Amino acid sequence: MSSNVCKHCTHAACLDVCPTGALFRTEFGTVVVQDDVCNGCGYCVAACPFGVIERRSGPAGARDIGIAQKCTLCYDRLGAGLEPACAKACPTDSIQFGDLDELRERADARVRRLRDDGVEGARLYGHDPEDGVSGTGAFFLLLDEPEVYGLPPDPVVTTRDLPHMFNRAGMAGLALLAGAALAFVGGAPVSGTTAERPDAVGRSAAGGRPDAAGPGGQGRAGRRRTHGGETAMVPPAEFTSYYGRQVVKPAPWKGEIPAYMFAGGLAAGSSLLAAGADLTGREALRRSGRLTALGALGFSMVALVHDLGRPERFLNMMRTVKVTSPMSVGTWILALYGPPAGVAAAAEVAGMVLPRSTAAPLRLLAAAGRPAGVIAGVLAPPVAAYTAVLLSDTATPSWHEAYRELPFVFCGSAAAAAGGLAGAIVPAGQAGPARRLAVGAGSAVGDDAGARLELESACRAFERLGAAADLAGARSELRRFAPAAVVSGLTQREVEVLRLVATGRTNRAIAAELFLSEKTVARHLSSIFAKLDVPSRAAATVYAYEHGLV
């Protein structure tokens, strides 16, 4: 028999990540959920390395649906001086309650007796104050590997790496901001801002020790021992987990949360484009960016509230600030980002509907558009990057172990989504920065923006995690962004000029697009003709189409 009760960790991840303060530590050292404060986000479910927390189910519309629930170690009984009901009801004293140090001494003696009797696999689980969660308040005597019972072999509090996660998110946000700026000013290619390639780690997919294969593997969990040197009378059993239960519990989030994350990234990238467009005089790109940012932000909030189940639960996250909870940090980032993004979009709508109005409120709104848009652009990188920290700070091994790369993946996705959408709906004459930001292979942005940043970061994560199939797919996609003209010796700037020539731009239009003089454009064209050995713009256009540059 295996008990799936809450372990009441000394350093509890669920307590750290809860954005509302619904989880608290009692005077008895246990961790308890306050139903009236819980917002049903499920973050504690995803952060618990033992998978003991559930979201309450029931009929649709019920007030407490989705709220976290778990063992409280009978907090009400402890307050009345009674022992927990499970310990009271157990007829064999298999479940014992008392002073933790005394219980550890008693359990150590029991393990020694079992090993003396030939039960070599006997061990304690969760009793060590030096383990990854600083010991648990409920520990167990096991007769085999933890994986056999559906327990993680080396549980670690997810917030252990949180400072590093925020550092990586900050680096990714700065890379996104720099990429967006360079997409407008046409600087030299940026390099060296993506995540470094960490050494491969020898941990299993379940987050365990190198020799623990986890469920379905061939590690230590698959061995069967005999007692006292006796010969087994049945073939060795192939243990996978305790009655089929996964060692790592899946995160409880459905489609609303990925939609919330994607839409937030789209809003952030659009605000960056809008701010740059406003400062460089691209009216159509500015209008598209501001309106897209507001629409995407609104959609992301609708998706989040739908996942919570009841709209009023979102307000519970505004009752506290917790730097140990990425969701709490993200809530306040959105609270700072939303108003200026909304004001910028409102100014745009006012200018479209009443372009010649002399009303003082509309004039004031129009004047506030630029500063609000710039503020939204400055706050956009944190909006794009914090969701990567939110995802990394969970007990899902593939997410947690990829915390170095995920912020760059998310920021690259924000740039690619915003740039791609703007490039599709904005007139071609003003969409150059959006295209460069989206693809990340143009001369202004180089290798550190948009789709290229996203794919390169994904490749690093897949390589370090040993996901061979995913790595091959990402590398295949990445090859599509390599400039085909490099084989002919073209510079990145010449590639960009060639792309614009192939779309029918005149020298004057190319000069305006790339912030160059017409004389510089003519010089680039002469170099392109010489390097490609083509006689005319038409032949250069054919080359561009044949090599997939447009």
Protein backbone atom coordinates (compact mmCIF):
# COMPACT_ATOMS: atom_id res chain seq x y z
CA MET A 1 0.00 0.00 0.00
CA SER A 2 1.19 3.52 -0.77
CA SER A 3 -0.15 6.71 0.80
CA ASN A 4 -0.54 9.75 -1.44
CA VAL A 5 -0.90 12.30 1.37
CA CYS A 6 0.71 15.71 1.32
CA LYS A 7 4.33 15.50 2.46
CA HIS A 8 4.23 18.93 4.18
CA CYS A 9 7.72 19.81 2.94
CA THR A 10 9.97 21.96 5.08
CA HIS A 11 10.65 24.03 1.95
CA ALA A 12 7.38 23.74 0.07
CA ALA A 13 7.25 24.78 -3.59
CA CYS A 14 3.46 25.06 -3.50
CA LEU A 15 3.75 27.62 -0.72
CA ASP A 16 6.31 29.63 -2.67
CA VAL A 17 4.50 29.78 -6.01
CA CYS A 18 0.96 30.44 -4.78
CA PRO A 19 0.14 33.93 -6.15
CA THR A 20 -2.65 34.71 -3.69
CA GLY A 21 -1.28 33.55 -0.33
CA ALA A 22 -3.98 30.89 -0.14
CA LEU A 23 -1.39 28.34 0.99
CA PHE A 24 0.13 29.02 4.39
CA ARG A 25 2.23 27.23 7.00
CA THR A 26 0.44 26.55 10.25
CA GLU A 27 1.75 26.70 13.80
CA PHE A 28 2.24 22.92 13.56
CA GLY A 29 4.57 23.20 10.57
CA THR A 30 1.99 21.82 8.12
CA VAL A 31 0.86 23.46 4.85
CA VAL A 32 -2.85 24.22 4.44
CA VAL A 33 -5.04 25.74 1.68
CA GLN A 34 -7.50 28.56 2.39
CA ASP A 35 -10.46 27.88 0.10
CA ASP A 36 -11.77 31.44 0.21
CA VAL A 37 -8.45 32.91 -0.98
CA CYS A 38 -7.46 30.29 -3.60
CA ASN A 39 -8.08 31.49 -7.15
CA GLY A 40 -7.92 28.05 -8.78
CA CYS A 41 -4.90 28.79 -10.97
CA GLY A 42 -3.42 25.32 -10.37
CA TYR A 43 0.14 26.61 -10.05
CA CYS A 44 0.63 24.70 -6.80
CA VAL A 45 -0.42 21.49 -8.62
CA ALA A 46 2.28 21.99 -11.26
CA ALA A 47 4.94 22.96 -8.70
CA CYS A 48 4.47 20.06 -6.27
CA PRO A 49 7.19 17.45 -6.95
CA PHE A 50 5.03 14.75 -5.33
CA GLY A 51 1.81 15.42 -7.26
CA VAL A 52 -0.40 15.36 -4.17
CA ILE A 53 -2.45 18.50 -4.87
CA GLU A 54 -5.62 18.37 -6.97
CA ARG A 55 -8.02 20.92 -8.39
CA ARG A 56 -11.51 20.32 -7.06
CA SER A 57 -13.97 18.91 -9.63
CA GLY A 58 -17.74 18.98 -9.73
CA PRO A 59 -20.72 20.38 -11.62
CA ALA A 60 -20.06 23.36 -13.88
CA GLY A 61 -20.70 26.70 -12.24
CA ALA A 62 -20.22 25.49 -8.67
CA ARG A 63 -18.47 28.08 -6.56
CA ASP A 64 -15.56 25.91 -5.41
CA ILE A 65 -14.73 24.23 -8.73
CA GLY A 66 -11.02 24.33 -9.56
CA ILE A 67 -9.88 25.29 -6.06
CA ALA A 68 -6.78 23.48 -4.80
CA GLN A 69 -7.34 20.69 -2.32
CA LYS A 70 -4.97 18.38 -0.46
CA CYS A 71 -4.26 16.69 2.86
CA THR A 72 -4.14 19.21 5.73
CA LEU A 73 -2.91 16.62 8.27
CA CYS A 74 -6.28 17.27 9.94
CA TYR A 75 -5.50 20.86 10.90
CA ASP A 76 -8.79 21.15 12.75
CA ARG A 77 -8.05 18.06 14.84
CA LEU A 78 -4.51 19.23 15.63
CA GLY A 79 -5.94 22.51 16.87
CA ALA A 80 -8.17 20.57 19.26
CA GLY A 81 -5.25 18.52 20.58
CA LEU A 82 -6.16 15.38 18.64
CA GLU A 83 -4.05 13.28 16.28
CA PRO A 84 -4.84 13.08 12.53
CA ALA A 85 -7.73 10.80 11.61
CA CYS A 86 -5.57 8.47 9.50
CA ALA A 87 -3.22 7.74 12.40
CA LYS A 88 -6.13 7.34 14.80
CA ALA A 89 -7.97 4.91 12.53
CA CYS A 90 -5.01 2.74 11.45
CA PRO A 91 -5.46 -0.64 13.22
CA THR A 92 -1.81 -1.72 12.87
CA ASP A 93 -0.05 1.51 13.79
CA SER A 94 1.44 1.59 10.29
CA ILE A 95 0.64 5.31 10.30
CA GLN A 96 2.19 7.03 13.30
CA PHE A 97 2.00 10.62 14.49
CA GLY A 98 4.22 12.45 16.94
CA ASP A 99 7.38 14.51 17.39
CA LEU A 100 9.31 14.47 14.11
CA ASP A 101 12.76 13.77 15.60
CA GLU A 102 11.36 10.94 17.71
CA LEU A 103 9.63 9.43 14.68
CA ARG A 104 12.89 9.56 12.70
CA GLU A 105 14.76 7.67 15.42
CA ARG A 106 11.99 5.05 15.56
CA ALA A 107 11.99 4.69 11.79
CA ASP A 108 15.79 4.32 11.62
CA ALA A 109 15.61 1.47 14.10
CA ARG A 110 12.86 -0.20 12.07
CA VAL A 111 14.96 0.01 8.88
CA ARG A 112 17.94 -1.58 10.64
CA ARG A 113 15.79 -4.48 11.84
CA LEU A 114 14.39 -5.05 8.35
CA ARG A 115 17.85 -5.10 6.78
CA ASP A 116 19.06 -7.51 9.44
CA ASP A 117 16.14 -9.73 8.42
CA GLY A 118 17.32 -9.68 4.79
CA VAL A 119 15.10 -6.90 3.38
CA GLU A 120 17.97 -5.10 1.69
CA GLY A 121 15.69 -2.69 -0.15
CA ALA A 122 14.30 -1.11 3.01
CA ARG A 123 14.90 2.62 3.17
CA LEU A 124 13.36 5.84 4.50
CA TYR A 125 11.95 8.41 2.11
CA GLY A 126 11.58 12.10 2.94
CA HIS A 127 13.27 11.92 6.34
CA ASP A 128 16.54 13.68 5.41
CA PRO A 129 16.64 17.42 6.30
CA GLU A 130 19.44 17.80 3.74
CA ASP A 131 17.42 16.64 0.72
CA GLY A 132 16.02 18.86 -2.05
CA VAL A 133 12.97 19.94 -0.01
CA SER A 134 14.82 20.14 3.35
CA GLY A 135 12.96 17.08 4.59
CA THR A 136 9.23 16.38 4.80
CA GLY A 137 6.79 16.38 7.68
CA ALA A 138 5.34 13.06 6.47
CA PHE A 139 8.00 10.48 5.61
CA PHE A 140 7.80 6.82 4.62
CA LEU A 141 9.48 3.46 5.02
CA LEU A 142 9.80 1.89 1.57
CA LEU A 143 10.82 -1.63 0.55
CA ASP A 144 12.00 -0.71 -2.96
CA GLU A 145 13.03 2.21 -5.11
CA PRO A 146 10.86 5.36 -4.79
CA GLU A 147 9.83 5.12 -8.46
CA VAL A 148 8.09 1.80 -7.75
CA TYR A 149 5.71 3.69 -5.48
CA GLY A 150 5.20 6.55 -7.92
CA LEU A 151 7.53 8.85 -5.98
CA PRO A 152 10.29 11.04 -7.49
CA PRO A 153 13.73 9.69 -6.52
CA ASP A 154 15.27 13.09 -5.78
CA PRO A 155 12.53 15.65 -5.12
CA VAL A 156 13.71 19.24 -5.35
CA VAL A 157 11.82 22.43 -4.55
CA THR A 158 11.21 24.12 -7.89
CA THR A 159 12.02 27.62 -6.63
CA ARG A 160 15.63 26.58 -5.96
CA ASP A 161 16.59 27.91 -9.40
CA LEU A 162 14.20 30.87 -9.43
CA PRO A 163 16.90 33.61 -9.20
CA HIS A 164 18.66 32.10 -12.21
CA MET A 165 15.34 31.88 -14.06
CA PHE A 166 14.68 35.57 -13.57
CA ASN A 167 18.23 36.39 -14.66
CA ARG A 168 17.76 34.44 -17.89
CA ALA A 169 14.40 36.13 -18.46
CA GLY A 170 16.06 39.52 -18.03
CA MET A 171 18.72 38.64 -20.58
CA ALA A 172 16.10 37.44 -23.05
CA GLY A 173 14.03 40.60 -22.54
CA LEU A 174 17.06 42.78 -23.23
CA ALA A 175 17.83 40.76 -26.36
CA LEU A 176 14.24 41.29 -27.55
CA LEU A 177 14.42 45.03 -26.85
CA ALA A 178 17.76 45.32 -28.67
CA GLY A 179 16.48 43.31 -31.61
CA ALA A 180 13.40 45.51 -31.92
CA ALA A 181 15.53 48.66 -31.78
CA LEU A 182 17.95 47.38 -34.41
CA ALA A 183 15.07 46.40 -36.66
CA PHE A 184 14.29 50.13 -36.94
CA VAL A 185 17.71 51.74 -36.88
CA GLY A 186 19.39 49.21 -39.16
CA GLY A 187 22.45 48.49 -37.06
CA ALA A 188 24.99 45.74 -37.51
CA PRO A 189 24.04 42.13 -36.78
CA VAL A 190 23.87 41.32 -33.11
CA SER A 191 25.63 38.28 -31.72
CA GLY A 192 26.40 36.76 -28.37
CA THR A 193 23.15 37.55 -26.57
CA THR A 194 21.52 34.16 -26.82
CA ALA A 195 21.84 31.54 -24.13
CA GLU A 196 25.19 29.86 -23.84
CA ARG A 197 25.25 26.14 -24.55
CA PRO A 198 25.35 24.42 -21.16
CA ASP A 199 27.00 21.05 -20.76
CA ALA A 200 24.68 18.09 -21.11
CA VAL A 201 23.39 16.79 -17.84
CA GLY A 202 23.04 13.14 -16.92
CA ARG A 203 19.64 13.26 -15.28
CA SER A 204 16.69 11.17 -16.23
CA ALA A 205 13.51 12.61 -17.73
CA ALA A 206 11.84 12.17 -14.37
CA GLY A 207 14.33 14.58 -12.79
CA GLY A 208 16.07 11.79 -10.89
CA ARG A 209 19.58 10.43 -10.53
CA PRO A 210 21.49 9.37 -13.66
CA ASP A 211 20.88 5.68 -13.00
CA ALA A 212 17.18 6.02 -12.24
CA ALA A 213 15.31 5.33 -15.42
CA GLY A 214 11.89 6.27 -14.10
CA PRO A 215 8.61 4.72 -15.23
CA GLY A 216 8.95 2.26 -18.04
CA GLY A 217 12.78 2.43 -18.02
CA GLN A 218 15.44 -0.12 -17.23
CA GLY A 219 16.89 1.55 -14.13
CA ARG A 220 16.93 0.42 -10.55
CA ALA A 221 13.14 0.35 -10.30
CA GLY A 222 13.06 -2.69 -12.57
CA ARG A 223 15.08 -4.95 -10.23
CA ARG A 224 13.50 -7.48 -7.94
CA ARG A 225 15.27 -8.70 -4.83
CA THR A 226 14.91 -11.91 -2.90
CA HIS A 227 15.04 -12.00 0.89
CA GLY A 228 17.58 -13.96 2.90
CA GLY A 229 19.27 -15.46 -0.17
CA GLU A 230 16.16 -17.47 -1.17
CA THR A 231 15.54 -18.28 -4.84
CA ALA A 232 12.53 -16.49 -6.35
CA MET A 233 9.77 -18.91 -7.40
CA VAL A 234 8.30 -16.55 -10.02
CA PRO A 235 9.98 -14.59 -12.82
CA PRO A 236 11.25 -11.13 -11.88
CA ALA A 237 8.51 -8.51 -12.19
CA GLU A 238 9.00 -5.45 -14.39
CA PHE A 239 7.97 -2.60 -12.12
CA THR A 240 6.97 0.62 -13.83
CA SER A 241 5.15 2.56 -11.13
CA TYR A 242 2.68 2.11 -8.33
CA TYR A 243 -0.51 0.83 -10.01
CA GLY A 244 0.30 2.79 -13.16
CA ARG A 245 0.51 6.17 -11.46
CA GLN A 246 3.01 8.53 -13.10
CA VAL A 247 6.11 9.50 -11.17
CA VAL A 248 5.69 13.06 -12.46
CA LYS A 249 2.15 14.39 -12.37
CA PRO A 250 1.11 16.35 -15.49
CA ALA A 251 0.41 20.05 -15.10
CA PRO A 252 -3.36 20.67 -14.84
CA TRP A 253 -3.51 23.41 -17.45
CA LYS A 254 -5.60 23.03 -20.60
CA GLY A 255 -5.61 25.00 -23.85
CA GLU A 256 -6.42 28.33 -22.20
CA ILE A 257 -2.96 28.69 -20.64
CA PRO A 258 -0.95 28.18 -23.87
CA ALA A 259 -3.34 30.67 -25.53
CA TYR A 260 -2.78 33.11 -22.66
CA MET A 261 1.00 32.82 -23.03
CA PHE A 262 1.00 33.18 -26.82
CA ALA A 263 -1.35 36.16 -26.80
CA GLY A 264 0.74 37.87 -24.13
CA GLY A 265 3.84 37.48 -26.27
CA LEU A 266 1.99 38.80 -29.31
CA ALA A 267 0.89 41.85 -27.31
CA ALA A 268 4.44 42.49 -26.10
CA GLY A 269 5.99 42.22 -29.56
CA SER A 270 3.29 44.45 -31.03
CA SER A 271 3.90 47.15 -28.42
CA LEU A 272 7.60 47.14 -29.27
CA LEU A 273 6.83 47.54 -32.97
CA ALA A 274 4.29 50.28 -32.24
CA ALA A 275 6.76 52.25 -30.11
CA GLY A 276 9.47 52.01 -32.75
CA ALA A 277 7.05 52.91 -35.52
CA ASP A 278 5.83 55.95 -33.62
CA LEU A 279 9.38 57.23 -33.11
CA THR A 280 10.33 56.66 -36.76
CA GLY A 281 7.19 58.00 -38.41
CA ARG A 282 5.55 54.77 -39.61
CA GLU A 283 1.90 55.54 -38.97
CA ALA A 284 0.39 52.33 -40.34
CA LEU A 285 2.78 50.10 -38.40
CA ARG A 286 2.18 52.14 -35.25
CA ARG A 287 -1.59 51.82 -35.58
CA SER A 288 -1.39 48.09 -36.24
CA GLY A 289 0.94 47.51 -33.29
CA ARG A 290 -1.11 49.46 -30.78
CA LEU A 291 -4.44 47.89 -31.72
CA THR A 292 -2.97 44.40 -31.93
CA ALA A 293 -1.36 44.80 -28.51
CA LEU A 294 -4.64 45.76 -26.87
CA GLY A 295 -6.59 43.03 -28.64
CA ALA A 296 -4.04 40.33 -27.79
CA LEU A 297 -3.83 41.50 -24.17
CA GLY A 298 -7.61 41.37 -23.86
CA PHE A 299 -7.71 37.87 -25.36
CA SER A 300 -4.99 36.63 -23.00
CA MET A 301 -6.88 37.91 -19.97
CA VAL A 302 -10.10 36.25 -21.16
CA ALA A 303 -8.21 32.95 -21.55
CA LEU A 304 -6.73 33.27 -18.06
CA VAL A 305 -10.05 34.09 -16.41
CA HIS A 306 -11.69 31.18 -18.26
CA ASP A 307 -9.05 28.83 -16.87
CA LEU A 308 -9.63 30.17 -13.34
CA GLY A 309 -13.34 29.39 -13.73
CA ARG A 310 -14.79 32.52 -12.11
CA PRO A 311 -13.85 36.12 -13.09
CA GLU A 312 -13.70 37.41 -9.52
CA ARG A 313 -10.90 34.96 -8.70
CA PHE A 314 -8.46 37.05 -10.72
CA LEU A 315 -8.77 39.79 -8.10
CA ASN A 316 -7.38 37.43 -5.46
CA MET A 317 -3.97 37.78 -7.16
CA MET A 318 -4.02 41.52 -6.50
CA ARG A 319 -4.13 41.09 -2.73
CA THR A 320 -0.41 40.39 -2.35
CA VAL A 321 3.01 40.64 -4.00
CA LYS A 322 5.19 37.51 -3.91
CA VAL A 323 8.56 37.56 -5.63
CA THR A 324 8.78 33.77 -5.17
CA SER A 325 5.69 33.33 -7.38
CA PRO A 326 6.23 34.00 -11.11
CA MET A 327 2.46 34.22 -11.48
CA SER A 328 2.26 36.98 -8.87
CA VAL A 329 5.17 38.83 -10.50
CA GLY A 330 3.50 38.42 -13.90
CA THR A 331 0.19 39.72 -12.57
CA TRP A 332 1.83 42.96 -11.48
CA ILE A 333 3.80 43.24 -14.71
CA LEU A 334 0.52 43.01 -16.62
CA ALA A 335 -1.08 45.51 -14.23
CA LEU A 336 1.69 48.00 -15.10
CA TYR A 337 1.68 47.20 -18.82
CA GLY A 338 -2.08 47.18 -19.45
CA PRO A 339 -2.97 50.84 -18.77
CA PRO A 340 -0.35 52.45 -21.07
CA ALA A 341 -1.09 49.89 -23.78
CA GLY A 342 -4.78 50.72 -23.45
CA VAL A 343 -4.18 54.48 -23.54
CA ALA A 344 -2.00 54.15 -26.65
CA ALA A 345 -4.68 52.10 -28.42
CA ALA A 346 -7.42 54.52 -27.32
CA ALA A 347 -5.41 57.43 -28.72
CA GLU A 348 -5.14 55.56 -32.00
CA VAL A 349 -8.87 54.90 -32.16
CA ALA A 350 -9.64 58.52 -31.30
CA GLY A 351 -7.37 59.69 -34.11
CA MET A 352 -9.09 57.36 -36.57
CA VAL A 353 -12.68 58.17 -35.59
CA LEU A 354 -12.35 61.89 -34.89
CA PRO A 355 -9.20 63.01 -36.69
CA ARG A 356 -10.16 66.70 -36.71
CA SER A 357 -11.85 66.98 -33.35
CA THR A 358 -10.91 69.99 -31.21
CA ALA A 359 -12.44 68.64 -28.01
CA ALA A 360 -10.01 69.02 -25.12
CA PRO A 361 -10.35 65.42 -23.84
CA LEU A 362 -9.55 64.01 -27.30
CA ARG A 363 -6.60 66.36 -27.73
CA LEU A 364 -5.29 65.27 -24.33
CA LEU A 365 -5.76 61.61 -25.26
CA ALA A 366 -3.92 62.11 -28.55
CA ALA A 367 -1.06 63.84 -26.75
CA ALA A 368 -0.81 60.94 -24.28
CA GLY A 369 -0.54 58.39 -27.09
CA ARG A 370 3.20 58.67 -27.65
CA PRO A 371 4.40 58.55 -24.01
CA ALA A 372 1.93 55.76 -23.25
CA GLY A 373 3.13 53.80 -26.27
CA VAL A 374 6.77 54.21 -25.29
CA ILE A 375 6.04 53.09 -21.71
CA ALA A 376 4.18 50.04 -23.05
CA GLY A 377 7.16 49.28 -25.30
CA VAL A 378 9.59 49.45 -22.38
CA LEU A 379 7.39 47.12 -20.31
CA ALA A 380 6.82 44.73 -23.22
CA PRO A 381 9.99 42.57 -22.80
CA PRO A 382 9.05 41.54 -19.22
CA VAL A 383 5.56 40.67 -20.49
CA ALA A 384 7.09 38.40 -23.14
CA ALA A 385 9.67 36.78 -20.84
CA TYR A 386 7.90 36.20 -17.51
CA THR A 387 5.69 33.39 -18.85
CA ALA A 388 8.85 31.37 -19.54
CA VAL A 389 9.75 31.64 -15.84
CA LEU A 390 6.19 30.69 -14.94
CA LEU A 391 6.50 27.52 -17.00
CA SER A 392 10.05 26.70 -15.83
CA ASP A 393 9.22 27.01 -12.14
CA THR A 394 7.25 23.74 -12.12
CA ALA A 395 8.01 20.11 -11.30
CA THR A 396 7.73 19.07 -14.96
CA PRO A 397 11.37 18.07 -15.66
CA SER A 398 11.53 19.04 -19.35
CA TRP A 399 10.23 22.53 -18.50
CA HIS A 400 12.29 23.06 -15.39
CA GLU A 401 15.57 21.81 -16.87
CA ALA A 402 15.12 24.10 -19.90
CA TYR A 403 14.90 27.29 -17.82
CA ARG A 404 18.08 28.64 -19.42
CA GLU A 405 16.62 28.54 -22.92
CA LEU A 406 12.87 29.00 -22.46
CA PRO A 407 12.97 32.81 -22.00
CA PHE A 408 14.76 33.15 -25.34
CA VAL A 409 12.24 30.80 -26.96
CA PHE A 410 9.35 32.86 -25.61
CA CYS A 411 10.86 36.22 -26.56
CA GLY A 412 11.70 34.88 -30.01
CA SER A 413 8.12 33.68 -30.35
CA ALA A 414 6.82 37.12 -29.35
CA ALA A 415 9.00 38.78 -31.99
CA ALA A 416 8.07 36.26 -34.68
CA ALA A 417 4.33 36.44 -33.96
CA ALA A 418 4.14 40.23 -33.77
CA GLY A 419 6.42 40.79 -36.75
CA GLY A 420 4.65 38.18 -38.84
CA LEU A 421 1.19 39.60 -38.17
CA ALA A 422 2.29 43.18 -38.78
CA GLY A 423 4.08 42.15 -41.97
CA ALA A 424 0.85 40.61 -43.23
CA ILE A 425 -1.49 43.53 -42.53
CA VAL A 426 0.72 46.63 -42.80
CA PRO A 427 1.54 48.16 -46.21
CA ALA A 428 4.83 46.81 -47.53
CA GLY A 429 6.47 50.24 -47.50
CA GLN A 430 6.23 50.43 -43.70
CA ALA A 431 6.53 46.74 -42.80
CA GLY A 432 10.31 46.37 -43.15
CA PRO A 433 11.08 46.47 -39.40
CA ALA A 434 8.29 43.97 -38.75
CA ARG A 435 9.70 41.55 -41.32
CA ARG A 436 13.22 41.87 -39.94
CA LEU A 437 12.02 41.36 -36.39
CA ALA A 438 9.95 38.32 -37.39
CA VAL A 439 12.56 36.45 -39.40
CA GLY A 440 15.64 37.51 -37.49
CA ALA A 441 17.92 36.88 -40.48
CA GLY A 442 17.99 40.38 -41.94
CA SER A 443 20.95 42.71 -41.77
CA ALA A 444 19.42 44.85 -39.05
CA VAL A 445 18.74 42.10 -36.55
CA GLY A 446 21.16 39.31 -37.34
CA ASP A 447 20.82 36.06 -35.43
CA ASP A 448 19.16 37.24 -32.26
CA ALA A 449 15.53 37.99 -32.96
CA GLY A 450 12.29 36.50 -34.11
CA ALA A 451 11.97 33.02 -35.44
CA ARG A 452 15.70 32.41 -35.52
CA LEU A 453 16.11 33.25 -31.83
CA GLU A 454 13.19 30.99 -30.96
CA LEU A 455 14.52 28.04 -32.98
CA GLU A 456 18.14 28.38 -31.86
CA SER A 457 17.09 28.45 -28.22
CA ALA A 458 14.80 25.46 -28.75
CA CYS A 459 17.69 23.53 -30.34
CA ARG A 460 19.88 24.18 -27.30
CA ALA A 461 17.15 23.02 -24.94
CA PHE A 462 16.40 19.85 -26.94
CA GLU A 463 20.09 19.01 -27.22
CA ARG A 464 20.68 19.36 -23.48
CA LEU A 465 17.56 17.33 -22.62
CA GLY A 466 18.45 14.57 -25.09
CA ALA A 467 15.25 14.99 -27.14
CA ALA A 468 16.70 13.72 -30.42
CA ALA A 469 13.52 13.78 -32.53
CA ASP A 470 12.57 17.30 -31.43
CA LEU A 471 16.15 18.47 -31.97
CA ALA A 472 16.16 17.16 -35.55
CA GLY A 473 12.87 18.92 -36.31
CA ALA A 474 14.03 22.23 -34.87
CA ARG A 475 17.31 22.08 -36.78
CA SER A 476 15.42 21.36 -39.99
CA GLU A 477 13.27 24.46 -39.45
CA LEU A 478 16.32 26.54 -38.52
CA ARG A 479 18.03 25.76 -41.82
CA ARG A 480 15.22 27.60 -43.59
CA PHE A 481 16.44 30.88 -42.09
CA ALA A 482 20.02 30.59 -43.30
CA PRO A 483 20.61 33.22 -46.03
CA ALA A 484 20.96 31.26 -49.27
CA ALA A 485 22.95 34.06 -50.89
CA VAL A 486 25.86 33.67 -48.47
CA VAL A 487 27.32 31.03 -50.81
CA SER A 488 27.84 33.77 -53.35
CA GLY A 489 29.56 36.05 -50.85
CA LEU A 490 26.77 38.58 -50.33
CA THR A 491 26.79 40.53 -47.09
CA GLN A 492 23.71 40.62 -44.89
CA ARG A 493 22.97 44.16 -46.08
CA GLU A 494 23.22 43.08 -49.71
CA VAL A 495 20.82 40.19 -49.02
CA GLU A 496 18.30 42.69 -47.67
CA VAL A 497 18.71 44.95 -50.69
CA LEU A 498 18.30 41.97 -53.01
CA ARG A 499 15.08 40.96 -51.27
CA LEU A 500 13.63 44.44 -51.76
CA VAL A 501 14.74 44.53 -55.41
CA ALA A 502 12.92 41.23 -55.94
CA THR A 503 9.70 42.75 -54.58
CA GLY A 504 9.85 45.52 -57.19
CA ARG A 505 11.14 48.38 -55.06
CA THR A 506 12.91 51.29 -56.70
CA ASN A 507 16.25 52.55 -55.41
CA ARG A 508 14.48 55.44 -53.70
CA ALA A 509 12.02 53.10 -51.96
CA ILE A 510 14.85 50.81 -50.84
CA ALA A 511 16.79 53.78 -49.49
CA ALA A 512 13.77 54.93 -47.49
CA GLU A 513 13.11 51.41 -46.21
CA LEU A 514 16.65 50.78 -45.00
CA PHE A 515 17.55 54.37 -44.03
CA LEU A 516 20.27 54.56 -46.68
CA SER A 517 21.14 57.06 -49.38
CA GLU A 518 20.27 56.25 -52.99
CA LYS A 519 23.98 56.33 -53.81
CA THR A 520 24.62 53.62 -51.18
CA VAL A 521 21.80 51.52 -52.60
CA ALA A 522 23.28 51.83 -56.11
CA ARG A 523 26.67 50.75 -54.77
CA HIS A 524 25.11 47.68 -53.13
CA LEU A 525 23.33 46.81 -56.39
CA SER A 526 26.58 46.99 -58.36
CA SER A 527 28.21 44.67 -55.84
CA ILE A 528 25.26 42.25 -56.01
CA PHE A 529 25.35 42.12 -59.83
CA ALA A 530 29.09 41.43 -59.75
CA LYS A 531 28.96 38.73 -57.09
CA LEU A 532 25.97 36.92 -58.62
CA ASP A 533 27.25 37.46 -62.17
CA VAL A 534 23.86 38.79 -63.33
CA PRO A 535 23.35 41.68 -65.77
CA SER A 536 20.13 43.28 -64.50
CA ARG A 537 17.58 43.73 -61.74
CA ALA A 538 15.34 41.18 -63.46
CA ALA A 539 18.07 38.52 -63.36
CA ALA A 540 18.79 39.34 -59.71
CA THR A 541 15.05 38.96 -58.98
CA VAL A 542 15.04 35.51 -60.58
CA TYR A 543 18.03 34.53 -58.42
CA ALA A 544 16.25 35.73 -55.26
CA TYR A 545 13.14 33.68 -56.02
CA GLU A 546 15.11 30.58 -56.98
CA HIS A 547 17.01 30.67 -53.68
CA GLY A 548 14.00 31.33 -51.47
CA LEU A 549 14.94 34.84 -50.40
CA VAL A 550 11.40 36.14 -51.00
